[in-house]
Amino acid sequence: MKFLLLFVLTVMATLLFKLFTTPEWQIGLSQELKTILIPIVAPILELINTPSFVYVASSLILLTAIIVSCLYYTRVLSPRRKELRALRGEISLLPRDGDGVAAMKKLGDVLRSRGLFVSAWASFQASVTRDRGIPDRPFSYFVASDPTQDEFERGGFMQALPGYFTWLGLILTFIGLVVALYFAARGFRSGDIAEARTSILQLLNASSFKFLTSVAALSGALLVSIAYRFCLSQLRSESERTVAYIEAYVSLWRDLMRPKHPATDSLTTVVDRLDLLIASVNSLTVQMQKVADRLETEGAHVQHAAE
């Protein structure tokens, strides 16, 4: 394999050296390239020099940006907003009294049936199980730490589309520039006034193609970017409103299902018992001091009577 690759590289290097050192090869290659490229390039040059084609191409670029923005709104934003609003409607119908455990189970079933905030709810349930009650942290804390919530922030193709439109505008600019230079050079080389005038008109047409298509592509990039940001802000607003609904419902049961910390309860019991023990020791010390004082007083009386 290495020998074959070395052989191919050697042959290519030999041919390139022969091409650069042999004028006949260069002339023959240029003639062959002209024969191949002229049938391809000539129709493109004719299209660029047609004003109607320039207007149609610019309009198609703008129309593409408008269609993409509308599709993103109708296929991504609108269904997501409907799902979030339907979820808020179901949460508003959940029971407000009764058993808190059953209420949390019903809320989890609603979220799983809609396929919304499932990972955040799983983390919330794990915290409830660990603390043996609803934690004080709001539900938005678990939503913020959920990596799946960023999937709409990462728009994928829609987020990258403004860059593609910008690159299209640059490519069309350089194509128009090359064509304009070609017609300018042909006009300057020509000694015929009529042909030079035709070349200048073709130069102006190429320039109009360059500027109009570039402006259309950049305008399309701006339009897609604005549409994407608008849809993203709408989705974020609907999500925050739904999270607030969930938190409001969870807050109804937080006081009834306050977390119980066994370690803290045990520590409180030990401290209370130590306080009781210390109080008992202090009381015993006081009683023993009283007995000692009484014995000392009685001893003094006995000694006085003996004297």
C-alpha atoms as a PDB file:
ATOM      1  CA  MET A   1       0.000   0.000   0.000  1.00  0.00           C
ATOM      2  CA  LYS A   2       2.815   2.394   0.887  1.00  0.00           C
ATOM      3  CA  PHE A   3       4.641   1.455  -2.317  1.00  0.00           C
ATOM      4  CA  LEU A   4       1.512   2.196  -4.400  1.00  0.00           C
ATOM      5  CA  LEU A   5       1.029   5.569  -2.698  1.00  0.00           C
ATOM      6  CA  LEU A   6       4.686   6.451  -3.241  1.00  0.00           C
ATOM      7  CA  PHE A   7       4.382   5.472  -6.918  1.00  0.00           C
ATOM      8  CA  VAL A   8       1.275   7.665  -7.401  1.00  0.00           C
ATOM      9  CA  LEU A   9       2.946  10.650  -5.718  1.00  0.00           C
ATOM     10  CA  THR A  10       6.036  10.210  -7.880  1.00  0.00           C
ATOM     11  CA  VAL A  11       3.968  10.128 -11.086  1.00  0.00           C
ATOM     12  CA  MET A  12       2.005  13.236 -10.027  1.00  0.00           C
ATOM     13  CA  ALA A  13       5.178  15.143  -9.146  1.00  0.00           C
ATOM     14  CA  THR A  14       6.697  14.204 -12.527  1.00  0.00           C
ATOM     15  CA  LEU A  15       3.622  15.380 -14.419  1.00  0.00           C
ATOM     16  CA  LEU A  16       3.487  18.691 -12.515  1.00  0.00           C
ATOM     17  CA  PHE A  17       7.180  19.315 -13.195  1.00  0.00           C
ATOM     18  CA  LYS A  18       6.669  18.540 -16.859  1.00  0.00           C
ATOM     19  CA  LEU A  19       3.653  20.871 -16.999  1.00  0.00           C
ATOM     20  CA  PHE A  20       5.511  23.824 -15.445  1.00  0.00           C
ATOM     21  CA  THR A  21       8.592  23.375 -17.639  1.00  0.00           C
ATOM     22  CA  THR A  22       6.896  22.660 -20.982  1.00  0.00           C
ATOM     23  CA  PRO A  23       5.055  25.584 -22.669  1.00  0.00           C
ATOM     24  CA  GLU A  24       3.417  23.242 -25.171  1.00  0.00           C
ATOM     25  CA  TRP A  25       1.747  21.325 -22.352  1.00  0.00           C
ATOM     26  CA  GLN A  26       0.516  24.565 -20.786  1.00  0.00           C
ATOM     27  CA  ILE A  27      -1.032  25.771 -24.062  1.00  0.00           C
ATOM     28  CA  GLY A  28      -2.618  22.400 -24.726  1.00  0.00           C
ATOM     29  CA  LEU A  29      -4.030  22.230 -21.169  1.00  0.00           C
ATOM     30  CA  SER A  30      -5.503  25.726 -21.397  1.00  0.00           C
ATOM     31  CA  GLN A  31      -7.180  24.841 -24.698  1.00  0.00           C
ATOM     32  CA  GLU A  32      -8.643  21.659 -23.217  1.00  0.00           C
ATOM     33  CA  LEU A  33      -9.920  23.546 -20.158  1.00  0.00           C
ATOM     34  CA  LYS A  34     -11.544  26.156 -22.402  1.00  0.00           C
ATOM     35  CA  THR A  35     -13.246  23.451 -24.407  1.00  0.00           C
ATOM     36  CA  ILE A  36     -14.607  21.833 -21.212  1.00  0.00           C
ATOM     37  CA  LEU A  37     -15.519  24.955 -19.209  1.00  0.00           C
ATOM     38  CA  ILE A  38     -17.015  27.235 -21.885  1.00  0.00           C
ATOM     39  CA  PRO A  39     -20.181  25.127 -22.339  1.00  0.00           C
ATOM     40  CA  ILE A  40     -20.647  25.202 -18.543  1.00  0.00           C
ATOM     41  CA  VAL A  41     -19.710  28.818 -17.783  1.00  0.00           C
ATOM     42  CA  ALA A  42     -21.390  30.463 -20.787  1.00  0.00           C
ATOM     43  CA  PRO A  43     -24.987  29.792 -19.634  1.00  0.00           C
ATOM     44  CA  ILE A  44     -24.095  31.083 -16.145  1.00  0.00           C
ATOM     45  CA  LEU A  45     -22.692  34.282 -17.611  1.00  0.00           C
ATOM     46  CA  GLU A  46     -25.818  34.737 -19.668  1.00  0.00           C
ATOM     47  CA  LEU A  47     -28.007  34.291 -16.586  1.00  0.00           C
ATOM     48  CA  ILE A  48     -25.975  36.781 -14.548  1.00  0.00           C
ATOM     49  CA  ASN A  49     -26.324  39.340 -17.343  1.00  0.00           C
ATOM     50  CA  THR A  50     -30.104  38.942 -17.386  1.00  0.00           C
ATOM     51  CA  PRO A  51     -31.727  41.511 -15.033  1.00  0.00           C
ATOM     52  CA  SER A  52     -34.846  39.396 -14.569  1.00  0.00           C
ATOM     53  CA  PHE A  53     -32.732  36.468 -13.327  1.00  0.00           C
ATOM     54  CA  VAL A  54     -31.034  38.746 -10.795  1.00  0.00           C
ATOM     55  CA  TYR A  55     -34.394  39.917  -9.440  1.00  0.00           C
ATOM     56  CA  VAL A  56     -35.799  36.386  -9.348  1.00  0.00           C
ATOM     57  CA  ALA A  57     -32.707  35.001  -7.567  1.00  0.00           C
ATOM     58  CA  SER A  58     -32.807  37.773  -4.941  1.00  0.00           C
ATOM     59  CA  SER A  59     -36.529  37.262  -4.396  1.00  0.00           C
ATOM     60  CA  LEU A  60     -36.079  33.491  -4.033  1.00  0.00           C
ATOM     61  CA  ILE A  61     -33.413  33.980  -1.363  1.00  0.00           C
ATOM     62  CA  LEU A  62     -35.687  36.266   0.649  1.00  0.00           C
ATOM     63  CA  LEU A  63     -38.673  33.963   0.079  1.00  0.00           C
ATOM     64  CA  THR A  64     -36.652  31.005   1.358  1.00  0.00           C
ATOM     65  CA  ALA A  65     -35.849  32.879   4.572  1.00  0.00           C
ATOM     66  CA  ILE A  66     -39.530  33.765   5.061  1.00  0.00           C
ATOM     67  CA  ILE A  67     -40.671  30.172   4.432  1.00  0.00           C
ATOM     68  CA  VAL A  68     -38.091  28.741   6.847  1.00  0.00           C
ATOM     69  CA  SER A  69     -39.131  31.208   9.563  1.00  0.00           C
ATOM     70  CA  CYS A  70     -42.818  30.394   9.084  1.00  0.00           C
ATOM     71  CA  LEU A  71     -42.143  26.641   9.141  1.00  0.00           C
ATOM     72  CA  TYR A  72     -40.157  26.936  12.366  1.00  0.00           C
ATOM     73  CA  TYR A  73     -42.989  28.912  13.952  1.00  0.00           C
ATOM     74  CA  THR A  74     -45.710  26.481  12.876  1.00  0.00           C
ATOM     75  CA  ARG A  75     -43.796  23.193  13.270  1.00  0.00           C
ATOM     76  CA  VAL A  76     -41.778  23.899  16.428  1.00  0.00           C
ATOM     77  CA  LEU A  77     -43.111  26.866  18.394  1.00  0.00           C
ATOM     78  CA  SER A  78     -46.851  26.379  17.959  1.00  0.00           C
ATOM     79  CA  PRO A  79     -47.030  22.657  18.955  1.00  0.00           C
ATOM     80  CA  ARG A  80     -44.766  23.242  21.941  1.00  0.00           C
ATOM     81  CA  ARG A  81     -46.888  26.148  23.159  1.00  0.00           C
ATOM     82  CA  LYS A  82     -50.045  24.056  22.806  1.00  0.00           C
ATOM     83  CA  GLU A  83     -48.496  21.232  24.856  1.00  0.00           C
ATOM     84  CA  LEU A  84     -47.423  23.598  27.634  1.00  0.00           C
ATOM     85  CA  ARG A  85     -50.838  25.287  27.754  1.00  0.00           C
ATOM     86  CA  ALA A  86     -52.599  21.913  27.807  1.00  0.00           C
ATOM     87  CA  LEU A  87     -50.331  20.858  30.688  1.00  0.00           C
ATOM     88  CA  ARG A  88     -51.251  23.979  32.651  1.00  0.00           C
ATOM     89  CA  GLY A  89     -54.923  23.189  32.049  1.00  0.00           C
ATOM     90  CA  GLU A  90     -54.521  19.655  33.430  1.00  0.00           C
ATOM     91  CA  ILE A  91     -52.603  20.926  36.475  1.00  0.00           C
ATOM     92  CA  SER A  92     -55.418  23.371  37.251  1.00  0.00           C
ATOM     93  CA  LEU A  93     -57.836  20.393  37.400  1.00  0.00           C
ATOM     94  CA  LEU A  94     -55.774  18.376  39.903  1.00  0.00           C
ATOM     95  CA  PRO A  95     -57.195  17.989  43.466  1.00  0.00           C
ATOM     96  CA  ARG A  96     -56.322  20.657  46.033  1.00  0.00           C
ATOM     97  CA  ASP A  97     -57.082  18.589  49.157  1.00  0.00           C
ATOM     98  CA  GLY A  98     -56.755  15.015  50.352  1.00  0.00           C
ATOM     99  CA  ASP A  99     -53.652  12.862  50.390  1.00  0.00           C
ATOM    100  CA  GLY A 100     -50.439  14.669  49.402  1.00  0.00           C
ATOM    101  CA  VAL A 101     -48.724  11.478  48.213  1.00  0.00           C
ATOM    102  CA  ALA A 102     -51.591  10.701  45.852  1.00  0.00           C
ATOM    103  CA  ALA A 103     -51.606  14.293  44.608  1.00  0.00           C
ATOM    104  CA  MET A 104     -47.883  14.142  43.803  1.00  0.00           C
ATOM    105  CA  LYS A 105     -48.423  10.831  42.014  1.00  0.00           C
ATOM    106  CA  LYS A 106     -51.179  12.358  39.865  1.00  0.00           C
ATOM    107  CA  LEU A 107     -48.961  15.331  39.021  1.00  0.00           C
ATOM    108  CA  GLY A 108     -46.170  12.983  37.972  1.00  0.00           C
ATOM    109  CA  ASP A 109     -48.576  10.990  35.795  1.00  0.00           C
ATOM    110  CA  VAL A 110     -49.690  14.194  34.059  1.00  0.00           C
ATOM    111  CA  LEU A 111     -46.109  15.245  33.353  1.00  0.00           C
ATOM    112  CA  ARG A 112     -45.133  11.816  32.044  1.00  0.00           C
ATOM    113  CA  SER A 113     -48.229  11.570  29.832  1.00  0.00           C
ATOM    114  CA  ARG A 114     -47.297  14.902  28.222  1.00  0.00           C
ATOM    115  CA  GLY A 115     -43.595  14.063  28.088  1.00  0.00           C
ATOM    116  CA  LEU A 116     -42.679  17.408  29.668  1.00  0.00           C
ATOM    117  CA  PHE A 117     -40.216  18.063  32.523  1.00  0.00           C
ATOM    118  CA  VAL A 118     -39.828  14.303  32.996  1.00  0.00           C
ATOM    119  CA  SER A 119     -36.157  14.396  34.038  1.00  0.00           C
ATOM    120  CA  ALA A 120     -36.740  17.339  36.362  1.00  0.00           C
ATOM    121  CA  TRP A 121     -39.674  15.523  37.962  1.00  0.00           C
ATOM    122  CA  ALA A 122     -37.558  12.380  38.430  1.00  0.00           C
ATOM    123  CA  SER A 123     -34.921  14.446  40.272  1.00  0.00           C
ATOM    124  CA  PHE A 124     -37.666  16.059  42.349  1.00  0.00           C
ATOM    125  CA  GLN A 125     -39.115  12.657  43.267  1.00  0.00           C
ATOM    126  CA  ALA A 126     -35.670  11.380  44.221  1.00  0.00           C
ATOM    127  CA  SER A 127     -35.277  14.356  46.564  1.00  0.00           C
ATOM    128  CA  VAL A 128     -38.737  13.692  48.056  1.00  0.00           C
ATOM    129  CA  THR A 129     -37.821  10.053  48.682  1.00  0.00           C
ATOM    130  CA  ARG A 130     -34.451  10.933  50.185  1.00  0.00           C
ATOM    131  CA  ASP A 131     -35.793  13.663  52.502  1.00  0.00           C
ATOM    132  CA  ARG A 132     -39.082  11.838  53.225  1.00  0.00           C
ATOM    133  CA  GLY A 133     -41.023  14.944  52.246  1.00  0.00           C
ATOM    134  CA  ILE A 134     -41.275  17.790  49.730  1.00  0.00           C
ATOM    135  CA  PRO A 135     -38.016  19.796  49.791  1.00  0.00           C
ATOM    136  CA  ASP A 136     -37.911  23.547  50.268  1.00  0.00           C
ATOM    137  CA  ARG A 137     -36.136  24.000  46.933  1.00  0.00           C
ATOM    138  CA  PRO A 138     -38.576  25.167  44.232  1.00  0.00           C
ATOM    139  CA  PHE A 139     -39.338  22.997  41.236  1.00  0.00           C
ATOM    140  CA  SER A 140     -37.549  25.536  39.004  1.00  0.00           C
ATOM    141  CA  TYR A 141     -34.292  24.443  40.679  1.00  0.00           C
ATOM    142  CA  PHE A 142     -34.716  20.918  39.302  1.00  0.00           C
ATOM    143  CA  VAL A 143     -35.776  22.256  35.881  1.00  0.00           C
ATOM    144  CA  ALA A 144     -32.674  24.452  35.676  1.00  0.00           C
ATOM    145  CA  SER A 145     -30.428  21.458  36.388  1.00  0.00           C
ATOM    146  CA  ASP A 146     -32.177  19.339  33.752  1.00  0.00           C
ATOM    147  CA  PRO A 147     -29.918  19.064  30.648  1.00  0.00           C
ATOM    148  CA  THR A 148     -32.831  18.104  28.384  1.00  0.00           C
ATOM    149  CA  GLN A 149     -34.372  21.555  28.820  1.00  0.00           C
ATOM    150  CA  ASP A 150     -31.563  23.062  26.733  1.00  0.00           C
ATOM    151  CA  GLU A 151     -32.528  21.154  23.586  1.00  0.00           C
ATOM    152  CA  PHE A 152     -34.660  24.076  22.352  1.00  0.00           C
ATOM    153  CA  GLU A 153     -31.874  26.504  23.244  1.00  0.00           C
ATOM    154  CA  ARG A 154     -29.675  24.557  20.861  1.00  0.00           C
ATOM    155  CA  GLY A 155     -31.634  25.168  17.692  1.00  0.00           C
ATOM    156  CA  GLY A 156     -29.457  22.977  15.499  1.00  0.00           C
ATOM    157  CA  PHE A 157     -29.995  23.720  11.823  1.00  0.00           C
ATOM    158  CA  MET A 158     -32.261  26.712  12.515  1.00  0.00           C
ATOM    159  CA  GLN A 159     -29.645  28.315  14.727  1.00  0.00           C
ATOM    160  CA  ALA A 160     -26.926  27.783  12.108  1.00  0.00           C
ATOM    161  CA  LEU A 161     -29.083  28.916   9.167  1.00  0.00           C
ATOM    162  CA  PRO A 162     -28.251  32.670   9.442  1.00  0.00           C
ATOM    163  CA  GLY A 163     -24.600  31.756   9.037  1.00  0.00           C
ATOM    164  CA  TYR A 164     -25.416  29.736   5.925  1.00  0.00           C
ATOM    165  CA  PHE A 165     -27.280  32.703   4.429  1.00  0.00           C
ATOM    166  CA  THR A 166     -24.298  34.939   5.176  1.00  0.00           C
ATOM    167  CA  TRP A 167     -21.925  32.517   3.478  1.00  0.00           C
ATOM    168  CA  LEU A 168     -24.275  32.341   0.479  1.00  0.00           C
ATOM    169  CA  GLY A 169     -24.169  36.131   0.229  1.00  0.00           C
ATOM    170  CA  LEU A 170     -20.368  36.112   0.306  1.00  0.00           C
ATOM    171  CA  ILE A 171     -20.159  33.394  -2.342  1.00  0.00           C
ATOM    172  CA  LEU A 172     -22.552  35.252  -4.638  1.00  0.00           C
ATOM    173  CA  THR A 173     -20.572  38.462  -4.063  1.00  0.00           C
ATOM    174  CA  PHE A 174     -17.338  36.834  -5.173  1.00  0.00           C
ATOM    175  CA  ILE A 175     -19.034  35.181  -8.154  1.00  0.00           C
ATOM    176  CA  GLY A 176     -20.396  38.553  -9.276  1.00  0.00           C
ATOM    177  CA  LEU A 177     -16.996  40.155  -8.688  1.00  0.00           C
ATOM    178  CA  VAL A 178     -15.194  37.563 -10.830  1.00  0.00           C
ATOM    179  CA  VAL A 179     -17.746  37.913 -13.623  1.00  0.00           C
ATOM    180  CA  ALA A 180     -17.541  41.727 -13.461  1.00  0.00           C
ATOM    181  CA  LEU A 181     -13.752  41.610 -13.706  1.00  0.00           C
ATOM    182  CA  TYR A 182     -14.002  39.225 -16.648  1.00  0.00           C
ATOM    183  CA  PHE A 183     -16.260  41.591 -18.590  1.00  0.00           C
ATOM    184  CA  ALA A 184     -14.147  44.598 -17.612  1.00  0.00           C
ATOM    185  CA  ALA A 185     -10.983  42.925 -18.902  1.00  0.00           C
ATOM    186  CA  ARG A 186     -12.692  41.895 -22.138  1.00  0.00           C
ATOM    187  CA  GLY A 187     -13.911  45.448 -22.699  1.00  0.00           C
ATOM    188  CA  PHE A 188     -10.464  46.948 -22.143  1.00  0.00           C
ATOM    189  CA  ARG A 189      -8.831  44.418 -24.483  1.00  0.00           C
ATOM    190  CA  SER A 190     -11.328  45.122 -27.254  1.00  0.00           C
ATOM    191  CA  GLY A 191     -10.577  47.858 -29.806  1.00  0.00           C
ATOM    192  CA  ASP A 192     -14.189  48.047 -30.940  1.00  0.00           C
ATOM    193  CA  ILE A 193     -16.246  50.813 -29.287  1.00  0.00           C
ATOM    194  CA  ALA A 194     -19.522  48.900 -29.629  1.00  0.00           C
ATOM    195  CA  GLU A 195     -18.042  45.767 -28.067  1.00  0.00           C
ATOM    196  CA  ALA A 196     -16.451  47.831 -25.268  1.00  0.00           C
ATOM    197  CA  ARG A 197     -19.829  49.452 -24.584  1.00  0.00           C
ATOM    198  CA  THR A 198     -21.478  46.017 -24.446  1.00  0.00           C
ATOM    199  CA  SER A 199     -18.811  44.838 -22.018  1.00  0.00           C
ATOM    200  CA  ILE A 200     -19.462  47.824 -19.758  1.00  0.00           C
ATOM    201  CA  LEU A 201     -23.191  47.037 -19.722  1.00  0.00           C
ATOM    202  CA  GLN A 202     -22.405  43.431 -18.867  1.00  0.00           C
ATOM    203  CA  LEU A 203     -20.088  44.681 -16.118  1.00  0.00           C
ATOM    204  CA  LEU A 204     -22.933  46.724 -14.637  1.00  0.00           C
ATOM    205  CA  ASN A 205     -25.293  43.752 -14.818  1.00  0.00           C
ATOM    206  CA  ALA A 206     -22.746  41.566 -13.018  1.00  0.00           C
ATOM    207  CA  SER A 207     -22.334  44.258 -10.365  1.00  0.00           C
ATOM    208  CA  SER A 208     -26.101  44.461  -9.848  1.00  0.00           C
ATOM    209  CA  PHE A 209     -26.187  40.660  -9.468  1.00  0.00           C
ATOM    210  CA  LYS A 210     -23.407  40.827  -6.913  1.00  0.00           C
ATOM    211  CA  PHE A 211     -25.019  43.521  -4.777  1.00  0.00           C
ATOM    212  CA  LEU A 212     -28.666  42.492  -5.018  1.00  0.00           C
ATOM    213  CA  THR A 213     -28.098  38.817  -4.196  1.00  0.00           C
ATOM    214  CA  SER A 214     -25.724  39.714  -1.361  1.00  0.00           C
ATOM    215  CA  VAL A 215     -28.235  42.148   0.139  1.00  0.00           C
ATOM    216  CA  ALA A 216     -30.985  39.530  -0.191  1.00  0.00           C
ATOM    217  CA  ALA A 217     -28.854  36.842   1.478  1.00  0.00           C
ATOM    218  CA  LEU A 218     -27.841  39.121   4.373  1.00  0.00           C
ATOM    219  CA  SER A 219     -31.466  40.253   4.797  1.00  0.00           C
ATOM    220  CA  GLY A 220     -32.527  36.604   4.883  1.00  0.00           C
ATOM    221  CA  ALA A 221     -29.918  35.858   7.550  1.00  0.00           C
ATOM    222  CA  LEU A 222     -31.206  38.753   9.651  1.00  0.00           C
ATOM    223  CA  LEU A 223     -34.828  37.657   9.206  1.00  0.00           C
ATOM    224  CA  VAL A 224     -34.119  34.045  10.188  1.00  0.00           C
ATOM    225  CA  SER A 225     -32.088  35.159  13.195  1.00  0.00           C
ATOM    226  CA  ILE A 226     -34.892  37.449  14.427  1.00  0.00           C
ATOM    227  CA  ALA A 227     -37.517  34.744  13.893  1.00  0.00           C
ATOM    228  CA  TYR A 228     -35.429  32.169  15.762  1.00  0.00           C
ATOM    229  CA  ARG A 229     -34.812  34.502  18.713  1.00  0.00           C
ATOM    230  CA  PHE A 230     -38.499  35.420  18.861  1.00  0.00           C
ATOM    231  CA  CYS A 231     -39.585  31.774  18.893  1.00  0.00           C
ATOM    232  CA  LEU A 232     -36.966  30.982  21.520  1.00  0.00           C
ATOM    233  CA  SER A 233     -38.169  33.780  23.791  1.00  0.00           C
ATOM    234  CA  GLN A 234     -41.784  32.626  23.391  1.00  0.00           C
ATOM    235  CA  LEU A 235     -40.862  29.051  24.276  1.00  0.00           C
ATOM    236  CA  ARG A 236     -38.875  30.195  27.302  1.00  0.00           C
ATOM    237  CA  SER A 237     -41.778  32.346  28.503  1.00  0.00           C
ATOM    238  CA  GLU A 238     -44.282  29.497  28.165  1.00  0.00           C
ATOM    239  CA  SER A 239     -41.930  27.085  29.952  1.00  0.00           C
ATOM    240  CA  GLU A 240     -41.376  29.472  32.853  1.00  0.00           C
ATOM    241  CA  ARG A 241     -45.126  30.005  33.191  1.00  0.00           C
ATOM    242  CA  THR A 242     -45.739  26.249  33.254  1.00  0.00           C
ATOM    243  CA  VAL A 243     -42.985  25.720  35.837  1.00  0.00           C
ATOM    244  CA  ALA A 244     -44.644  28.405  37.983  1.00  0.00           C
ATOM    245  CA  TYR A 245     -47.941  26.464  37.738  1.00  0.00           C
ATOM    246  CA  ILE A 246     -46.208  23.271  38.862  1.00  0.00           C
ATOM    247  CA  GLU A 247     -44.476  25.051  41.747  1.00  0.00           C
ATOM    248  CA  ALA A 248     -47.752  26.650  42.860  1.00  0.00           C
ATOM    249  CA  TYR A 249     -49.402  23.222  42.991  1.00  0.00           C
ATOM    250  CA  VAL A 250     -46.463  21.647  44.827  1.00  0.00           C
ATOM    251  CA  SER A 251     -46.480  24.497  47.357  1.00  0.00           C
ATOM    252  CA  LEU A 252     -50.020  23.514  48.399  1.00  0.00           C
ATOM    253  CA  TRP A 253     -48.642  20.244  49.779  1.00  0.00           C
ATOM    254  CA  ARG A 254     -45.238  21.390  51.039  1.00  0.00           C
ATOM    255  CA  ASP A 255     -46.387  22.177  54.591  1.00  0.00           C
ATOM    256  CA  LEU A 256     -48.231  18.854  54.858  1.00  0.00           C
ATOM    257  CA  MET A 257     -45.215  16.907  53.575  1.00  0.00           C
ATOM    258  CA  ARG A 258     -42.370  18.788  55.255  1.00  0.00           C
ATOM    259  CA  PRO A 259     -39.091  16.816  55.119  1.00  0.00           C
ATOM    260  CA  LYS A 260     -38.259  14.745  58.199  1.00  0.00           C
ATOM    261  CA  HIS A 261     -34.594  14.390  59.005  1.00  0.00           C
ATOM    262  CA  PRO A 262     -33.982  11.405  61.286  1.00  0.00           C
ATOM    263  CA  ALA A 263     -30.454  12.462  62.109  1.00  0.00           C
ATOM    264  CA  THR A 264     -31.610  15.894  63.239  1.00  0.00           C
ATOM    265  CA  ASP A 265     -34.433  14.429  65.336  1.00  0.00           C
ATOM    266  CA  SER A 266     -32.057  11.993  67.072  1.00  0.00           C
ATOM    267  CA  LEU A 267     -29.606  14.778  67.799  1.00  0.00           C
ATOM    268  CA  THR A 268     -32.363  16.908  69.312  1.00  0.00           C
ATOM    269  CA  THR A 269     -33.404  14.014  71.594  1.00  0.00           C
ATOM    270  CA  VAL A 270     -29.835  13.461  72.804  1.00  0.00           C
ATOM    271  CA  VAL A 271     -29.379  17.149  73.562  1.00  0.00           C
ATOM    272  CA  ASP A 272     -32.630  17.260  75.528  1.00  0.00           C
ATOM    273  CA  ARG A 273     -31.589  14.238  77.560  1.00  0.00           C
ATOM    274  CA  LEU A 274     -28.196  15.774  78.289  1.00  0.00           C
ATOM    275  CA  ASP A 275     -29.880  18.952  79.506  1.00  0.00           C
ATOM    276  CA  LEU A 276     -32.127  16.903  81.760  1.00  0.00           C
ATOM    277  CA  LEU A 277     -29.121  14.997  83.128  1.00  0.00           C
ATOM    278  CA  ILE A 278     -27.208  18.203  83.833  1.00  0.00           C
ATOM    279  CA  ALA A 279     -30.238  19.697  85.591  1.00  0.00           C
ATOM    280  CA  SER A 280     -30.552  16.542  87.731  1.00  0.00           C
ATOM    281  CA  VAL A 281     -26.861  16.664  88.660  1.00  0.00           C
ATOM    282  CA  ASN A 282     -27.158  20.329  89.613  1.00  0.00           C
ATOM    283  CA  SER A 283     -30.219  19.577  91.764  1.00  0.00           C
ATOM    284  CA  LEU A 284     -28.373  16.703  93.461  1.00  0.00           C
ATOM    285  CA  THR A 285     -25.392  18.942  94.130  1.00  0.00           C
ATOM    286  CA  VAL A 286     -27.620  21.534  95.773  1.00  0.00           C
ATOM    287  CA  GLN A 287     -29.252  18.892  97.976  1.00  0.00           C
ATOM    288  CA  MET A 288     -25.892  17.443  99.044  1.00  0.00           C
ATOM    289  CA  GLN A 289     -24.635  20.943  99.873  1.00  0.00           C
ATOM    290  CA  LYS A 290     -27.668  21.497 102.085  1.00  0.00           C
ATOM    291  CA  VAL A 291     -27.050  18.186 103.911  1.00  0.00           C
ATOM    292  CA  ALA A 292     -23.390  19.064 104.415  1.00  0.00           C
ATOM    293  CA  ASP A 293     -24.315  22.466 105.817  1.00  0.00           C
ATOM    294  CA  ARG A 294     -26.820  20.856 108.204  1.00  0.00           C
ATOM    295  CA  LEU A 295     -24.299  18.275 109.454  1.00  0.00           C
ATOM    296  CA  GLU A 296     -21.748  20.993 110.024  1.00  0.00           C
ATOM    297  CA  THR A 297     -24.262  23.049 112.016  1.00  0.00           C
ATOM    298  CA  GLU A 298     -25.300  20.066 114.153  1.00  0.00           C
ATOM    299  CA  GLY A 299     -21.655  19.185 114.848  1.00  0.00           C
ATOM    300  CA  ALA A 300     -20.999  22.706 116.057  1.00  0.00           C
ATOM    301  CA  HIS A 301     -23.958  22.519 118.444  1.00  0.00           C
ATOM    302  CA  VAL A 302     -22.792  19.164 119.908  1.00  0.00           C
ATOM    303  CA  GLN A 303     -19.285  20.513 120.448  1.00  0.00           C
ATOM    304  CA  HIS A 304     -20.655  23.631 122.177  1.00  0.00           C
ATOM    305  CA  ALA A 305     -22.879  21.531 124.498  1.00  0.00           C
ATOM    306  CA  ALA A 306     -19.960  19.313 125.459  1.00  0.00           C
ATOM    307  CA  GLU A 307     -17.901  22.265 126.433  1.00  0.00           C
END
